[in-house]
C-alpha atoms as a PDB file:
ATOM      1  CA  UNK A   1      98.802 109.078 105.710  1.00  0.00           C
ATOM      2  CA  UNK A   2      99.430 110.792 108.997  1.00  0.00           C
ATOM      3  CA  UNK A   3      96.115 109.579 110.656  1.00  0.00           C
ATOM      4  CA  UNK A   4      96.900 106.106 109.452  1.00  0.00           C
ATOM      5  CA  UNK A   5     100.201 105.931 110.815  1.00  0.00           C
ATOM      6  CA  UNK A   6      98.585 107.308 114.278  1.00  0.00           C
ATOM      7  CA  UNK A   7      96.033 104.586 114.081  1.00  0.00           C
ATOM      8  CA  UNK A   8      98.840 101.879 113.661  1.00  0.00           C
ATOM      9  CA  UNK A   9     100.565 103.225 116.825  1.00  0.00           C
ATOM     10  CA  UNK A  10     103.188 105.757 115.459  1.00  0.00           C
ATOM     11  CA  UNK A  11     102.953 108.880 117.765  1.00  0.00           C
ATOM     12  CA  UNK A  12     104.417 112.176 117.969  1.00  0.00           C
ATOM     13  CA  UNK A  13     105.590 112.141 114.334  1.00  0.00           C
ATOM     14  CA  UNK A  14     106.393 115.346 112.353  1.00  0.00           C
ATOM     15  CA  UNK A  15     106.351 116.009 108.681  1.00  0.00           C
ATOM     16  CA  UNK A  16     110.044 115.403 108.361  1.00  0.00           C
ATOM     17  CA  UNK A  17     110.113 112.165 110.570  1.00  0.00           C
ATOM     18  CA  UNK A  18     108.749 109.781 108.102  1.00  0.00           C
ATOM     19  CA  UNK A  19     111.219 106.862 107.523  1.00  0.00           C
ATOM     20  CA  UNK A  20     111.426 103.806 105.115  1.00  0.00           C
ATOM     21  CA  UNK A  21     109.712 101.601 107.719  1.00  0.00           C
ATOM     22  CA  UNK A  22     106.685 103.862 107.975  1.00  0.00           C
ATOM     23  CA  UNK A  23     106.305 103.473 104.102  1.00  0.00           C
ATOM     24  CA  UNK A  24     106.416  99.739 104.600  1.00  0.00           C
ATOM     25  CA  UNK A  25     103.855  99.729 107.318  1.00  0.00           C
ATOM     26  CA  UNK A  26     101.364 101.840 105.240  1.00  0.00           C
ATOM     27  CA  UNK A  27     101.699  99.645 102.027  1.00  0.00           C
ATOM     28  CA  UNK A  28     101.302  96.500 104.130  1.00  0.00           C
ATOM     29  CA  UNK A  29      98.218  98.336 105.804  1.00  0.00           C
ATOM     30  CA  UNK A  30      96.675  99.170 102.338  1.00  0.00           C
ATOM     31  CA  UNK A  31      97.230  95.655 100.921  1.00  0.00           C
ATOM     32  CA  UNK A  32      95.409  94.506 104.133  1.00  0.00           C
ATOM     33  CA  UNK A  33      92.477  96.782 103.297  1.00  0.00           C
ATOM     34  CA  UNK A  34      92.256  95.191 100.069  1.00  0.00           C
ATOM     35  CA  UNK A  35      92.530  98.451  98.126  1.00  0.00           C
ATOM     36  CA  UNK A  36      92.681  98.469  94.615  1.00  0.00           C
ATOM     37  CA  UNK A  37      96.258  98.593  92.814  1.00  0.00           C
ATOM     38  CA  UNK A  38      95.343 101.954  91.447  1.00  0.00           C
ATOM     39  CA  UNK A  39      94.344 103.492  94.671  1.00  0.00           C
ATOM     40  CA  UNK A  40      97.602 102.144  95.994  1.00  0.00           C
ATOM     41  CA  UNK A  41      99.763 103.423  93.347  1.00  0.00           C
ATOM     42  CA  UNK A  42      97.945 106.852  93.766  1.00  0.00           C
ATOM     43  CA  UNK A  43      98.810 107.023  97.491  1.00  0.00           C
ATOM     44  CA  UNK A  44     102.513 106.151  96.704  1.00  0.00           C
ATOM     45  CA  UNK A  45     102.372 109.189  94.187  1.00  0.00           C
ATOM     46  CA  UNK A  46     101.380 111.461  97.196  1.00  0.00           C
ATOM     47  CA  UNK A  47     104.149 109.978  99.201  1.00  0.00           C
ATOM     48  CA  UNK A  48     106.528 110.746  96.509  1.00  0.00           C
ATOM     49  CA  UNK A  49     105.364 114.276  96.160  1.00  0.00           C
ATOM     50  CA  UNK A  50     105.467 114.637  99.758  1.00  0.00           C
ATOM     51  CA  UNK A  51     109.136 113.339 100.190  1.00  0.00           C
ATOM     52  CA  UNK A  52     110.280 115.611  97.324  1.00  0.00           C
ATOM     53  CA  UNK A  53     108.780 118.763  99.013  1.00  0.00           C
ATOM     54  CA  UNK A  54     110.093 117.785 102.376  1.00  0.00           C
ATOM     55  CA  UNK A  55     113.598 117.176 100.792  1.00  0.00           C
ATOM     56  CA  UNK A  56     113.301 113.385 102.031  1.00  0.00           C
ATOM     57  CA  UNK A  57     113.582 111.694  98.536  1.00  0.00           C
ATOM     58  CA  UNK A  58     115.745 109.040  99.854  1.00  0.00           C
ATOM     59  CA  UNK A  59     113.243 107.808 102.379  1.00  0.00           C
ATOM     60  CA  UNK A  60     110.847 106.382  99.622  1.00  0.00           C
ATOM     61  CA  UNK A  61     112.258 104.016  97.032  1.00  0.00           C
ATOM     62  CA  UNK A  62     111.561 105.035  93.462  1.00  0.00           C
ATOM     63  CA  UNK A  63     110.190 101.791  92.296  1.00  0.00           C
ATOM     64  CA  UNK A  64     106.659 100.355  93.516  1.00  0.00           C
ATOM     65  CA  UNK A  65     107.983  97.050  92.532  1.00  0.00           C
ATOM     66  CA  UNK A  66     110.243  97.280  95.698  1.00  0.00           C
ATOM     67  CA  UNK A  67     106.861  97.547  97.917  1.00  0.00           C
ATOM     68  CA  UNK A  68     105.343  94.456  95.922  1.00  0.00           C
ATOM     69  CA  UNK A  69     103.052  96.858  94.110  1.00  0.00           C
ATOM     70  CA  UNK A  70     102.017  95.200  90.784  1.00  0.00           C
ATOM     71  CA  UNK A  71     101.196  97.019  87.401  1.00  0.00           C
ATOM     72  CA  UNK A  72      97.688  98.068  87.076  1.00  0.00           C
ATOM     73  CA  UNK A  73      95.374  96.026  85.011  1.00  0.00           C
ATOM     74  CA  UNK A  74      93.126  98.349  82.658  1.00  0.00           C
ATOM     75  CA  UNK A  75      91.665  95.735  80.209  1.00  0.00           C
ATOM     76  CA  UNK A  76      89.504  92.882  81.454  1.00  0.00           C
ATOM     77  CA  UNK A  77      88.399  89.722  79.530  1.00  0.00           C
ATOM     78  CA  UNK A  78      84.872  90.291  80.202  1.00  0.00           C
ATOM     79  CA  UNK A  79      82.578  92.350  78.047  1.00  0.00           C
ATOM     80  CA  UNK A  80      80.305  94.860  80.001  1.00  0.00           C
ATOM     81  CA  UNK A  81      77.890  95.035  76.950  1.00  0.00           C
ATOM     82  CA  UNK A  82      74.248  94.312  77.536  1.00  0.00           C
ATOM     83  CA  UNK A  83      72.056  92.848  75.088  1.00  0.00           C
ATOM     84  CA  UNK A  84      68.376  93.808  74.674  1.00  0.00           C
ATOM     85  CA  UNK A  85      65.542  92.281  72.981  1.00  0.00           C
ATOM     86  CA  UNK A  86      63.485  94.207  70.571  1.00  0.00           C
ATOM     87  CA  UNK A  87      60.675  94.078  73.299  1.00  0.00           C
ATOM     88  CA  UNK A  88      62.958  95.780  75.813  1.00  0.00           C
ATOM     89  CA  UNK A  89      63.940  98.333  73.337  1.00  0.00           C
ATOM     90  CA  UNK A  90      60.449  99.143  72.386  1.00  0.00           C
ATOM     91  CA  UNK A  91      59.743  99.883  76.184  1.00  0.00           C
ATOM     92  CA  UNK A  92      62.388 102.624  76.185  1.00  0.00           C
ATOM     93  CA  UNK A  93      61.460 106.087  75.763  1.00  0.00           C
ATOM     94  CA  UNK A  94      63.266 109.136  74.881  1.00  0.00           C
ATOM     95  CA  UNK A  95      61.609 112.194  76.545  1.00  0.00           C
ATOM     96  CA  UNK A  96      63.590 114.623  74.356  1.00  0.00           C
ATOM     97  CA  UNK A  97      62.634 112.898  71.080  1.00  0.00           C
ATOM     98  CA  UNK A  98      60.389 114.976  68.972  1.00  0.00           C
ATOM     99  CA  UNK A  99      57.788 112.994  66.982  1.00  0.00           C
ATOM    100  CA  UNK A 100      58.059 112.998  63.414  1.00  0.00           C
ATOM    101  CA  UNK A 101      54.764 113.936  61.361  1.00  0.00           C
ATOM    102  CA  UNK A 102      53.656 110.889  59.430  1.00  0.00           C
END
């Protein structure tokens, strides 16, 4: 977070100098990097933790909706299952399989 703010032109900041405008800039920067919603939410959790430890809870709005961060999507409509033919299955070998006596 500190390195990103420095790259964005904010210099001379201390651990207690974070302000709401800095949070807004970081979130906008993260969306610009096309990070996943889960990653952005995880980073916001770290900011919330830091704000609590630094006694600066009022700097960060509690709701991620305020920053335009949508809810995560856990379920997709696409199946990740693969279908194999019997010939493809026959090619697979299990190196740990013990042969059964016939």
